[in-house]
Amino acid sequence: MLVYGLNTCSICKKALKALEASNVAFEFRDVRDAPLNEAELAVLIAEFGDRLVDRTTNDWRGLSDWLKHSEVEDQLAAKPKLMARPVIQHEGTYYLGWDETVQKAVLSAQ
């Protein structure tokens, strides 16, 4: 299982803590320290589209008008922190966020 997120994100911390508590093996990748390459980004955009960008953050509000109206890949390349998180990849399936449905799917995936 691969978890993409930020090590400072409270939701990512909750997800990682729950995965550890359930003894689920995972690898965590901080997208700020190790940004997604074009191929990885293309897969996530194909899966989630513009939902991959978190438009509720101060980082989003601080973007220039040009960048706000640009493509998702341009926004995430400029500011990896804009990625909605966590993104979890497990056995070819991708999950976005840490809601009850995602928790049920990945915590029972031992």
PDB file of N, CA and C in Angstrom:
ATOM      1  N   MET A   1       0.852  -1.166   0.000  1.00  0.00           N
ATOM      2  CA  MET A   1       0.000   0.000   0.000  1.00  0.00           C
ATOM      3  C   MET A   1       0.903   1.235   0.000  1.00  0.00           C
ATOM      4  N   LEU A   2       0.530   2.192  -0.818  1.00  0.00           N
ATOM      5  CA  LEU A   2       1.290   3.436  -0.909  1.00  0.00           C
ATOM      6  C   LEU A   2       0.361   4.586  -0.552  1.00  0.00           C
ATOM      7  N   VAL A   3       0.811   5.426   0.372  1.00  0.00           N
ATOM      8  CA  VAL A   3       0.024   6.572   0.818  1.00  0.00           C
ATOM      9  C   VAL A   3       0.767   7.837   0.414  1.00  0.00           C
ATOM     10  N   TYR A   4       0.101   8.673  -0.380  1.00  0.00           N
ATOM     11  CA  TYR A   4       0.648   9.970  -0.770  1.00  0.00           C
ATOM     12  C   TYR A   4       0.002  11.036   0.102  1.00  0.00           C
ATOM     13  N   GLY A   5       0.813  11.964   0.581  1.00  0.00           N
ATOM     14  CA  GLY A   5       0.260  13.044   1.394  1.00  0.00           C
ATOM     15  C   GLY A   5       1.347  13.992   1.845  1.00  0.00           C
ATOM     16  N   LEU A   6       1.084  14.648   2.961  1.00  0.00           N
ATOM     17  CA  LEU A   6       2.055  15.550   3.587  1.00  0.00           C
ATOM     18  C   LEU A   6       2.253  15.113   5.026  1.00  0.00           C
ATOM     19  N   ASN A   7       3.490  15.123   5.486  1.00  0.00           N
ATOM     20  CA  ASN A   7       3.734  14.685   6.863  1.00  0.00           C
ATOM     21  C   ASN A   7       3.194  15.687   7.881  1.00  0.00           C
ATOM     22  N   THR A   8       2.810  16.876   7.451  1.00  0.00           N
ATOM     23  CA  THR A   8       2.243  17.874   8.362  1.00  0.00           C
ATOM     24  C   THR A   8       0.723  17.907   8.317  1.00  0.00           C
ATOM     25  N   CYS A   9       0.108  17.113   7.454  1.00  0.00           N
ATOM     26  CA  CYS A   9      -1.345  17.102   7.276  1.00  0.00           C
ATOM     27  C   CYS A   9      -2.017  16.293   8.389  1.00  0.00           C
ATOM     28  N   SER A  10      -2.971  16.906   9.081  1.00  0.00           N
ATOM     29  CA  SER A  10      -3.625  16.213  10.197  1.00  0.00           C
ATOM     30  C   SER A  10      -4.421  15.000   9.727  1.00  0.00           C
ATOM     31  N   ILE A  11      -5.043  15.078   8.567  1.00  0.00           N
ATOM     32  CA  ILE A  11      -5.808  13.936   8.053  1.00  0.00           C
ATOM     33  C   ILE A  11      -4.870  12.803   7.677  1.00  0.00           C
ATOM     34  N   CYS A  12      -3.727  13.141   7.077  1.00  0.00           N
ATOM     35  CA  CYS A  12      -2.736  12.107   6.745  1.00  0.00           C
ATOM     36  C   CYS A  12      -2.228  11.438   8.017  1.00  0.00           C
ATOM     37  N   LYS A  13      -1.989  12.235   9.053  1.00  0.00           N
ATOM     38  CA  LYS A  13      -1.517  11.671  10.321  1.00  0.00           C
ATOM     39  C   LYS A  13      -2.533  10.690  10.892  1.00  0.00           C
ATOM     40  N   LYS A  14      -3.820  11.036  10.820  1.00  0.00           N
ATOM     41  CA  LYS A  14      -4.876  10.135  11.302  1.00  0.00           C
ATOM     42  C   LYS A  14      -4.875   8.836  10.500  1.00  0.00           C
ATOM     43  N   ALA A  15      -4.743   8.963   9.185  1.00  0.00           N
ATOM     44  CA  ALA A  15      -4.742   7.770   8.328  1.00  0.00           C
ATOM     45  C   ALA A  15      -3.550   6.876   8.647  1.00  0.00           C
ATOM     46  N   LEU A  16      -2.377   7.468   8.765  1.00  0.00           N
ATOM     47  CA  LEU A  16      -1.172   6.684   9.048  1.00  0.00           C
ATOM     48  C   LEU A  16      -1.268   6.006  10.407  1.00  0.00           C
ATOM     49  N   LYS A  17      -1.783   6.724  11.377  1.00  0.00           N
ATOM     50  CA  LYS A  17      -1.935   6.157  12.728  1.00  0.00           C
ATOM     51  C   LYS A  17      -2.906   4.974  12.710  1.00  0.00           C
ATOM     52  N   ALA A  18      -4.007   5.105  11.972  1.00  0.00           N
ATOM     53  CA  ALA A  18      -4.987   4.019  11.883  1.00  0.00           C
ATOM     54  C   ALA A  18      -4.403   2.819  11.146  1.00  0.00           C
ATOM     55  N   LEU A  19      -3.642   3.067  10.084  1.00  0.00           N
ATOM     56  CA  LEU A  19      -3.012   1.970   9.350  1.00  0.00           C
ATOM     57  C   LEU A  19      -2.015   1.238  10.239  1.00  0.00           C
ATOM     58  N   GLU A  20      -1.212   1.991  10.990  1.00  0.00           N
ATOM     59  CA  GLU A  20      -0.251   1.364  11.915  1.00  0.00           C
ATOM     60  C   GLU A  20      -0.971   0.554  12.984  1.00  0.00           C
ATOM     61  N   ALA A  21      -2.038   1.116  13.537  1.00  0.00           N
ATOM     62  CA  ALA A  21      -2.782   0.428  14.595  1.00  0.00           C
ATOM     63  C   ALA A  21      -3.423  -0.863  14.087  1.00  0.00           C
ATOM     64  N   SER A  22      -3.754  -0.894  12.803  1.00  0.00           N
ATOM     65  CA  SER A  22      -4.360  -2.090  12.206  1.00  0.00           C
ATOM     66  C   SER A  22      -3.322  -3.022  11.601  1.00  0.00           C
ATOM     67  N   ASN A  23      -2.040  -2.722  11.828  1.00  0.00           N
ATOM     68  CA  ASN A  23      -0.938  -3.534  11.300  1.00  0.00           C
ATOM     69  C   ASN A  23      -0.983  -3.699   9.784  1.00  0.00           C
ATOM     70  N   VAL A  24      -1.393  -2.645   9.091  1.00  0.00           N
ATOM     71  CA  VAL A  24      -1.400  -2.651   7.633  1.00  0.00           C
ATOM     72  C   VAL A  24      -0.039  -2.131   7.164  1.00  0.00           C
ATOM     73  N   ALA A  25       0.610  -2.897   6.308  1.00  0.00           N
ATOM     74  CA  ALA A  25       1.913  -2.486   5.783  1.00  0.00           C
ATOM     75  C   ALA A  25       1.693  -1.407   4.723  1.00  0.00           C
ATOM     76  N   PHE A  26       2.435  -0.317   4.842  1.00  0.00           N
ATOM     77  CA  PHE A  26       2.293   0.769   3.879  1.00  0.00           C
ATOM     78  C   PHE A  26       3.608   1.525   3.762  1.00  0.00           C
ATOM     79  N   GLU A  27       3.701   2.262   2.669  1.00  0.00           N
ATOM     80  CA  GLU A  27       4.819   3.172   2.455  1.00  0.00           C
ATOM     81  C   GLU A  27       4.210   4.560   2.337  1.00  0.00           C
ATOM     82  N   PHE A  28       4.793   5.535   3.024  1.00  0.00           N
ATOM     83  CA  PHE A  28       4.296   6.908   2.970  1.00  0.00           C
ATOM     84  C   PHE A  28       5.221   7.761   2.113  1.00  0.00           C
ATOM     85  N   ARG A  29       4.625   8.558   1.268  1.00  0.00           N
ATOM     86  CA  ARG A  29       5.408   9.460   0.414  1.00  0.00           C
ATOM     87  C   ARG A  29       4.898  10.887   0.578  1.00  0.00           C
ATOM     88  N   ASP A  30       5.754  11.733   1.107  1.00  0.00           N
ATOM     89  CA  ASP A  30       5.421  13.147   1.260  1.00  0.00           C
ATOM     90  C   ASP A  30       5.604  13.812  -0.105  1.00  0.00           C
ATOM     91  N   VAL A  31       4.514  14.310  -0.683  1.00  0.00           N
ATOM     92  CA  VAL A  31       4.571  14.859  -2.038  1.00  0.00           C
ATOM     93  C   VAL A  31       5.298  16.200  -2.112  1.00  0.00           C
ATOM     94  N   ARG A  32       5.544  16.778  -0.969  1.00  0.00           N
ATOM     95  CA  ARG A  32       6.325  18.018  -0.971  1.00  0.00           C
ATOM     96  C   ARG A  32       7.808  17.683  -1.055  1.00  0.00           C
ATOM     97  N   ASP A  33       8.225  16.639  -0.361  1.00  0.00           N
ATOM     98  CA  ASP A  33       9.631  16.212  -0.372  1.00  0.00           C
ATOM     99  C   ASP A  33       9.978  15.415  -1.627  1.00  0.00           C
ATOM    100  N   ALA A  34       9.036  14.641  -2.120  1.00  0.00           N
ATOM    101  CA  ALA A  34       9.249  13.811  -3.312  1.00  0.00           C
ATOM    102  C   ALA A  34       8.053  14.007  -4.247  1.00  0.00           C
ATOM    103  N   PRO A  35       8.049  15.115  -5.003  1.00  0.00           N
ATOM    104  CA  PRO A  35       6.902  15.420  -5.874  1.00  0.00           C
ATOM    105  C   PRO A  35       6.609  14.300  -6.868  1.00  0.00           C
ATOM    106  N   LEU A  36       5.367  14.227  -7.268  1.00  0.00           N
ATOM    107  CA  LEU A  36       4.942  13.234  -8.243  1.00  0.00           C
ATOM    108  C   LEU A  36       5.559  13.549  -9.597  1.00  0.00           C
ATOM    109  N   ASN A  37       5.991  12.506 -10.310  1.00  0.00           N
ATOM    110  CA  ASN A  37       6.490  12.732 -11.661  1.00  0.00           C
ATOM    111  C   ASN A  37       5.288  12.800 -12.607  1.00  0.00           C
ATOM    112  N   GLU A  38       5.544  13.109 -13.869  1.00  0.00           N
ATOM    113  CA  GLU A  38       4.457  13.294 -14.831  1.00  0.00           C
ATOM    114  C   GLU A  38       3.588  12.051 -14.980  1.00  0.00           C
ATOM    115  N   ALA A  39       4.206  10.887 -15.016  1.00  0.00           N
ATOM    116  CA  ALA A  39       3.451   9.645 -15.187  1.00  0.00           C
ATOM    117  C   ALA A  39       2.547   9.377 -13.976  1.00  0.00           C
ATOM    118  N   GLU A  40       3.097   9.548 -12.778  1.00  0.00           N
ATOM    119  CA  GLU A  40       2.299   9.335 -11.565  1.00  0.00           C
ATOM    120  C   GLU A  40       1.143  10.326 -11.501  1.00  0.00           C
ATOM    121  N   LEU A  41       1.436  11.566 -11.817  1.00  0.00           N
ATOM    122  CA  LEU A  41       0.410  12.598 -11.799  1.00  0.00           C
ATOM    123  C   LEU A  41      -0.682  12.303 -12.827  1.00  0.00           C
ATOM    124  N   ALA A  42      -0.298  11.831 -13.998  1.00  0.00           N
ATOM    125  CA  ALA A  42      -1.273  11.501 -15.039  1.00  0.00           C
ATOM    126  C   ALA A  42      -2.226  10.403 -14.577  1.00  0.00           C
ATOM    127  N   VAL A  43      -1.701   9.408 -13.875  1.00  0.00           N
ATOM    128  CA  VAL A  43      -2.544   8.322 -13.360  1.00  0.00           C
ATOM    129  C   VAL A  43      -3.551   8.865 -12.346  1.00  0.00           C
ATOM    130  N   LEU A  44      -3.086   9.705 -11.435  1.00  0.00           N
ATOM    131  CA  LEU A  44      -3.981  10.244 -10.413  1.00  0.00           C
ATOM    132  C   LEU A  44      -5.017  11.188 -11.004  1.00  0.00           C
ATOM    133  N   ILE A  45      -4.626  11.969 -11.999  1.00  0.00           N
ATOM    134  CA  ILE A  45      -5.581  12.872 -12.642  1.00  0.00           C
ATOM    135  C   ILE A  45      -6.618  12.067 -13.426  1.00  0.00           C
ATOM    136  N   ALA A  46      -6.188  10.998 -14.071  1.00  0.00           N
ATOM    137  CA  ALA A  46      -7.134  10.136 -14.781  1.00  0.00           C
ATOM    138  C   ALA A  46      -8.140   9.518 -13.807  1.00  0.00           C
ATOM    139  N   GLU A  47      -7.667   9.209 -12.612  1.00  0.00           N
ATOM    140  CA  GLU A  47      -8.525   8.582 -11.598  1.00  0.00           C
ATOM    141  C   GLU A  47      -9.477   9.586 -10.940  1.00  0.00           C
ATOM    142  N   PHE A  48      -8.962  10.768 -10.571  1.00  0.00           N
ATOM    143  CA  PHE A  48      -9.738  11.702  -9.757  1.00  0.00           C
ATOM    144  C   PHE A  48     -10.097  13.021 -10.450  1.00  0.00           C
ATOM    145  N   GLY A  49      -9.477  13.320 -11.574  1.00  0.00           N
ATOM    146  CA  GLY A  49      -9.763  14.582 -12.257  1.00  0.00           C
ATOM    147  C   GLY A  49      -9.429  15.782 -11.393  1.00  0.00           C
ATOM    148  N   ASP A  50     -10.257  16.804 -11.473  1.00  0.00           N
ATOM    149  CA  ASP A  50      -9.955  18.022 -10.718  1.00  0.00           C
ATOM    150  C   ASP A  50     -10.248  17.897  -9.224  1.00  0.00           C
ATOM    151  N   ARG A  51     -10.818  16.773  -8.795  1.00  0.00           N
ATOM    152  CA  ARG A  51     -10.985  16.540  -7.348  1.00  0.00           C
ATOM    153  C   ARG A  51      -9.641  16.370  -6.656  1.00  0.00           C
ATOM    154  N   LEU A  52      -8.585  16.148  -7.448  1.00  0.00           N
ATOM    155  CA  LEU A  52      -7.255  15.958  -6.887  1.00  0.00           C
ATOM    156  C   LEU A  52      -6.698  17.254  -6.293  1.00  0.00           C
ATOM    157  N   VAL A  53      -7.290  18.391  -6.665  1.00  0.00           N
ATOM    158  CA  VAL A  53      -6.847  19.685  -6.134  1.00  0.00           C
ATOM    159  C   VAL A  53      -7.803  20.108  -5.019  1.00  0.00           C
ATOM    160  N   ASP A  54      -7.240  20.407  -3.856  1.00  0.00           N
ATOM    161  CA  ASP A  54      -8.022  20.863  -2.709  1.00  0.00           C
ATOM    162  C   ASP A  54      -8.207  22.377  -2.818  1.00  0.00           C
ATOM    163  N   ARG A  55      -9.401  22.788  -3.183  1.00  0.00           N
ATOM    164  CA  ARG A  55      -9.679  24.209  -3.401  1.00  0.00           C
ATOM    165  C   ARG A  55     -10.184  24.918  -2.155  1.00  0.00           C
ATOM    166  N   THR A  56     -10.067  24.280  -1.004  1.00  0.00           N
ATOM    167  CA  THR A  56     -10.537  24.899   0.240  1.00  0.00           C
ATOM    168  C   THR A  56      -9.403  25.497   1.066  1.00  0.00           C
ATOM    169  N   THR A  57      -8.190  25.420   0.578  1.00  0.00           N
ATOM    170  CA  THR A  57      -7.036  25.828   1.374  1.00  0.00           C
ATOM    171  C   THR A  57      -6.606  27.270   1.111  1.00  0.00           C
ATOM    172  N   ASN A  58      -5.839  27.808   2.042  1.00  0.00           N
ATOM    173  CA  ASN A  58      -5.248  29.131   1.849  1.00  0.00           C
ATOM    174  C   ASN A  58      -4.283  29.119   0.673  1.00  0.00           C
ATOM    175  N   ASP A  59      -3.603  28.001   0.452  1.00  0.00           N
ATOM    176  CA  ASP A  59      -2.688  27.897  -0.688  1.00  0.00           C
ATOM    177  C   ASP A  59      -3.445  28.093  -1.996  1.00  0.00           C
ATOM    178  N   TRP A  60      -4.630  27.513  -2.097  1.00  0.00           N
ATOM    179  CA  TRP A  60      -5.444  27.674  -3.307  1.00  0.00           C
ATOM    180  C   TRP A  60      -5.856  29.141  -3.469  1.00  0.00           C
ATOM    181  N   ARG A  61      -6.341  29.731  -2.381  1.00  0.00           N
ATOM    182  CA  ARG A  61      -6.786  31.126  -2.453  1.00  0.00           C
ATOM    183  C   ARG A  61      -5.644  32.062  -2.811  1.00  0.00           C
ATOM    184  N   GLY A  62      -4.417  31.683  -2.487  1.00  0.00           N
ATOM    185  CA  GLY A  62      -3.259  32.512  -2.769  1.00  0.00           C
ATOM    186  C   GLY A  62      -2.702  32.372  -4.182  1.00  0.00           C
ATOM    187  N   LEU A  63      -3.254  31.454  -4.969  1.00  0.00           N
ATOM    188  CA  LEU A  63      -2.766  31.278  -6.337  1.00  0.00           C
ATOM    189  C   LEU A  63      -3.140  32.478  -7.206  1.00  0.00           C
ATOM    190  N   SER A  64      -2.338  32.710  -8.214  1.00  0.00           N
ATOM    191  CA  SER A  64      -2.672  33.747  -9.191  1.00  0.00           C
ATOM    192  C   SER A  64      -3.906  33.301  -9.970  1.00  0.00           C
ATOM    193  N   ASP A  65      -4.627  34.250 -10.540  1.00  0.00           N
ATOM    194  CA  ASP A  65      -5.801  33.907 -11.348  1.00  0.00           C
ATOM    195  C   ASP A  65      -5.426  32.983 -12.499  1.00  0.00           C
ATOM    196  N   TRP A  66      -4.265  33.239 -13.093  1.00  0.00           N
ATOM    197  CA  TRP A  66      -3.826  32.398 -14.205  1.00  0.00           C
ATOM    198  C   TRP A  66      -3.681  30.947 -13.751  1.00  0.00           C
ATOM    199  N   LEU A  67      -3.025  30.744 -12.604  1.00  0.00           N
ATOM    200  CA  LEU A  67      -2.800  29.382 -12.121  1.00  0.00           C
ATOM    201  C   LEU A  67      -4.104  28.733 -11.662  1.00  0.00           C
ATOM    202  N   LYS A  68      -5.012  29.511 -11.068  1.00  0.00           N
ATOM    203  CA  LYS A  68      -6.302  28.954 -10.665  1.00  0.00           C
ATOM    204  C   LYS A  68      -7.076  28.400 -11.854  1.00  0.00           C
ATOM    205  N   HIS A  69      -6.891  29.010 -13.019  1.00  0.00           N
ATOM    206  CA  HIS A  69      -7.620  28.575 -14.210  1.00  0.00           C
ATOM    207  C   HIS A  69      -6.795  27.672 -15.117  1.00  0.00           C
ATOM    208  N   SER A  70      -5.644  27.244 -14.641  1.00  0.00           N
ATOM    209  CA  SER A  70      -4.795  26.354 -15.439  1.00  0.00           C
ATOM    210  C   SER A  70      -5.184  24.898 -15.186  1.00  0.00           C
ATOM    211  N   GLU A  71      -4.504  24.007 -15.846  1.00  0.00           N
ATOM    212  CA  GLU A  71      -4.785  22.573 -15.715  1.00  0.00           C
ATOM    213  C   GLU A  71      -4.341  22.060 -14.344  1.00  0.00           C
ATOM    214  N   VAL A  72      -4.959  20.975 -13.912  1.00  0.00           N
ATOM    215  CA  VAL A  72      -4.652  20.369 -12.621  1.00  0.00           C
ATOM    216  C   VAL A  72      -3.163  20.057 -12.491  1.00  0.00           C
ATOM    217  N   GLU A  73      -2.568  19.491 -13.553  1.00  0.00           N
ATOM    218  CA  GLU A  73      -1.148  19.124 -13.464  1.00  0.00           C
ATOM    219  C   GLU A  73      -0.252  20.359 -13.278  1.00  0.00           C
ATOM    220  N   ASP A  74      -0.644  21.492 -13.865  1.00  0.00           N
ATOM    221  CA  ASP A  74       0.133  22.720 -13.689  1.00  0.00           C
ATOM    222  C   ASP A  74       0.021  23.237 -12.261  1.00  0.00           C
ATOM    223  N   GLN A  75      -1.182  23.143 -11.703  1.00  0.00           N
ATOM    224  CA  GLN A  75      -1.399  23.594 -10.328  1.00  0.00           C
ATOM    225  C   GLN A  75      -0.587  22.757  -9.340  1.00  0.00           C
ATOM    226  N   LEU A  76      -0.628  21.436  -9.521  1.00  0.00           N
ATOM    227  CA  LEU A  76       0.091  20.552  -8.602  1.00  0.00           C
ATOM    228  C   LEU A  76       1.596  20.608  -8.805  1.00  0.00           C
ATOM    229  N   ALA A  77       2.033  20.870 -10.017  1.00  0.00           N
ATOM    230  CA  ALA A  77       3.470  21.021 -10.268  1.00  0.00           C
ATOM    231  C   ALA A  77       3.981  22.291  -9.585  1.00  0.00           C
ATOM    232  N   ALA A  78       3.176  23.348  -9.615  1.00  0.00           N
ATOM    233  CA  ALA A  78       3.573  24.610  -8.991  1.00  0.00           C
ATOM    234  C   ALA A  78       3.492  24.535  -7.468  1.00  0.00           C
ATOM    235  N   LYS A  79       2.467  23.865  -6.947  1.00  0.00           N
ATOM    236  CA  LYS A  79       2.247  23.778  -5.499  1.00  0.00           C
ATOM    237  C   LYS A  79       1.778  22.374  -5.129  1.00  0.00           C
ATOM    238  N   PRO A  80       2.694  21.457  -4.857  1.00  0.00           N
ATOM    239  CA  PRO A  80       2.292  20.087  -4.494  1.00  0.00           C
ATOM    240  C   PRO A  80       1.349  20.030  -3.287  1.00  0.00           C
ATOM    241  N   LYS A  81       1.414  21.037  -2.414  1.00  0.00           N
ATOM    242  CA  LYS A  81       0.535  21.068  -1.244  1.00  0.00           C
ATOM    243  C   LYS A  81      -0.937  21.155  -1.602  1.00  0.00           C
ATOM    244  N   LEU A  82      -1.252  21.524  -2.842  1.00  0.00           N
ATOM    245  CA  LEU A  82      -2.648  21.644  -3.256  1.00  0.00           C
ATOM    246  C   LEU A  82      -3.335  20.294  -3.419  1.00  0.00           C
ATOM    247  N   MET A  83      -2.563  19.218  -3.448  1.00  0.00           N
ATOM    248  CA  MET A  83      -3.153  17.902  -3.653  1.00  0.00           C
ATOM    249  C   MET A  83      -4.088  17.545  -2.505  1.00  0.00           C
ATOM    250  N   ALA A  84      -5.305  17.125  -2.852  1.00  0.00           N
ATOM    251  CA  ALA A  84      -6.219  16.601  -1.854  1.00  0.00           C
ATOM    252  C   ALA A  84      -5.575  15.345  -1.284  1.00  0.00           C
ATOM    253  N   ARG A  85      -5.729  15.114  -0.021  1.00  0.00           N
ATOM    254  CA  ARG A  85      -4.998  14.023   0.591  1.00  0.00           C
ATOM    255  C   ARG A  85      -5.762  13.389   1.745  1.00  0.00           C
ATOM    256  N   PRO A  86      -5.328  12.197   2.086  1.00  0.00           N
ATOM    257  CA  PRO A  86      -4.315  11.392   1.423  1.00  0.00           C
ATOM    258  C   PRO A  86      -4.858  10.730   0.160  1.00  0.00           C
ATOM    259  N   VAL A  87      -3.944  10.325  -0.693  1.00  0.00           N
ATOM    260  CA  VAL A  87      -4.261   9.462  -1.820  1.00  0.00           C
ATOM    261  C   VAL A  87      -3.629   8.114  -1.473  1.00  0.00           C
ATOM    262  N   ILE A  88      -4.430   7.093  -1.526  1.00  0.00           N
ATOM    263  CA  ILE A  88      -3.959   5.755  -1.150  1.00  0.00           C
ATOM    264  C   ILE A  88      -4.091   4.835  -2.352  1.00  0.00           C
ATOM    265  N   GLN A  89      -2.999   4.147  -2.659  1.00  0.00           N
ATOM    266  CA  GLN A  89      -3.007   3.175  -3.745  1.00  0.00           C
ATOM    267  C   GLN A  89      -2.817   1.802  -3.134  1.00  0.00           C
ATOM    268  N   HIS A  90      -3.765   0.927  -3.411  1.00  0.00           N
ATOM    269  CA  HIS A  90      -3.683  -0.433  -2.876  1.00  0.00           C
ATOM    270  C   HIS A  90      -4.190  -1.407  -3.922  1.00  0.00           C
ATOM    271  N   GLU A  91      -3.308  -2.307  -4.339  1.00  0.00           N
ATOM    272  CA  GLU A  91      -3.642  -3.363  -5.296  1.00  0.00           C
ATOM    273  C   GLU A  91      -4.356  -2.811  -6.526  1.00  0.00           C
ATOM    274  N   GLY A  92      -3.822  -1.735  -7.084  1.00  0.00           N
ATOM    275  CA  GLY A  92      -4.365  -1.179  -8.317  1.00  0.00           C
ATOM    276  C   GLY A  92      -5.578  -0.285  -8.157  1.00  0.00           C
ATOM    277  N   THR A  93      -6.048  -0.110  -6.945  1.00  0.00           N
ATOM    278  CA  THR A  93      -7.193   0.765  -6.682  1.00  0.00           C
ATOM    279  C   THR A  93      -6.693   2.007  -5.966  1.00  0.00           C
ATOM    280  N   TYR A  94      -7.258   3.143  -6.340  1.00  0.00           N
ATOM    281  CA  TYR A  94      -6.880   4.416  -5.717  1.00  0.00           C
ATOM    282  C   TYR A  94      -8.034   4.946  -4.893  1.00  0.00           C
ATOM    283  N   TYR A  95      -7.695   5.518  -3.749  1.00  0.00           N
ATOM    284  CA  TYR A  95      -8.673   6.120  -2.848  1.00  0.00           C
ATOM    285  C   TYR A  95      -8.235   7.547  -2.556  1.00  0.00           C
ATOM    286  N   LEU A  96      -9.199   8.443  -2.421  1.00  0.00           N
ATOM    287  CA  LEU A  96      -8.907   9.840  -2.134  1.00  0.00           C
ATOM    288  C   LEU A  96      -9.601  10.238  -0.840  1.00  0.00           C
ATOM    289  N   GLY A  97      -8.815  10.740   0.097  1.00  0.00           N
ATOM    290  CA  GLY A  97      -9.380  11.177   1.371  1.00  0.00           C
ATOM    291  C   GLY A  97      -9.307  10.098   2.425  1.00  0.00           C
ATOM    292  N   TRP A  98      -9.963  10.351   3.540  1.00  0.00           N
ATOM    293  CA  TRP A  98      -9.948   9.408   4.650  1.00  0.00           C
ATOM    294  C   TRP A  98     -11.334   9.345   5.283  1.00  0.00           C
ATOM    295  N   ASP A  99     -12.353   9.161   4.441  1.00  0.00           N
ATOM    296  CA  ASP A  99     -13.706   9.042   4.961  1.00  0.00           C
ATOM    297  C   ASP A  99     -13.983   7.592   5.359  1.00  0.00           C
ATOM    298  N   GLU A 100     -15.182   7.339   5.813  1.00  0.00           N
ATOM    299  CA  GLU A 100     -15.532   6.008   6.323  1.00  0.00           C
ATOM    300  C   GLU A 100     -15.397   4.924   5.256  1.00  0.00           C
ATOM    301  N   THR A 101     -15.754   5.236   4.025  1.00  0.00           N
ATOM    302  CA  THR A 101     -15.669   4.259   2.936  1.00  0.00           C
ATOM    303  C   THR A 101     -14.216   3.874   2.678  1.00  0.00           C
ATOM    304  N   VAL A 102     -13.337   4.860   2.649  1.00  0.00           N
ATOM    305  CA  VAL A 102     -11.908   4.593   2.419  1.00  0.00           C
ATOM    306  C   VAL A 102     -11.345   3.804   3.591  1.00  0.00           C
ATOM    307  N   GLN A 103     -11.679   4.202   4.804  1.00  0.00           N
ATOM    308  CA  GLN A 103     -11.190   3.497   5.975  1.00  0.00           C
ATOM    309  C   GLN A 103     -11.589   2.025   5.947  1.00  0.00           C
ATOM    310  N   LYS A 104     -12.843   1.770   5.635  1.00  0.00           N
ATOM    311  CA  LYS A 104     -13.332   0.393   5.599  1.00  0.00           C
ATOM    312  C   LYS A 104     -12.577  -0.413   4.545  1.00  0.00           C
ATOM    313  N   ALA A 105     -12.326   0.196   3.384  1.00  0.00           N
ATOM    314  CA  ALA A 105     -11.661  -0.510   2.294  1.00  0.00           C
ATOM    315  C   ALA A 105     -10.207  -0.820   2.613  1.00  0.00           C
ATOM    316  N   VAL A 106      -9.477   0.147   3.150  1.00  0.00           N
ATOM    317  CA  VAL A 106      -8.037  -0.063   3.336  1.00  0.00           C
ATOM    318  C   VAL A 106      -7.687  -0.714   4.676  1.00  0.00           C
ATOM    319  N   LEU A 107      -8.498  -0.508   5.693  1.00  0.00           N
ATOM    320  CA  LEU A 107      -8.170  -1.130   6.978  1.00  0.00           C
ATOM    321  C   LEU A 107      -8.514  -2.606   6.989  1.00  0.00           C
ATOM    322  N   SER A 108      -9.382  -3.024   6.099  1.00  0.00           N
ATOM    323  CA  SER A 108      -9.701  -4.455   6.012  1.00  0.00           C
ATOM    324  C   SER A 108      -8.861  -5.128   4.923  1.00  0.00           C
ATOM    325  N   ALA A 109      -7.907  -4.388   4.367  1.00  0.00           N
ATOM    326  CA  ALA A 109      -7.122  -4.890   3.237  1.00  0.00           C
ATOM    327  C   ALA A 109      -5.841  -5.595   3.676  1.00  0.00           C
ATOM    328  N   GLN A 110      -5.819  -6.125   4.846  1.00  0.00           N
ATOM    329  CA  GLN A 110      -4.600  -6.742   5.365  1.00  0.00           C
ATOM    330  C   GLN A 110      -4.249  -7.943   4.604  1.00  0.00           C
TER     331      GLN A 110
END
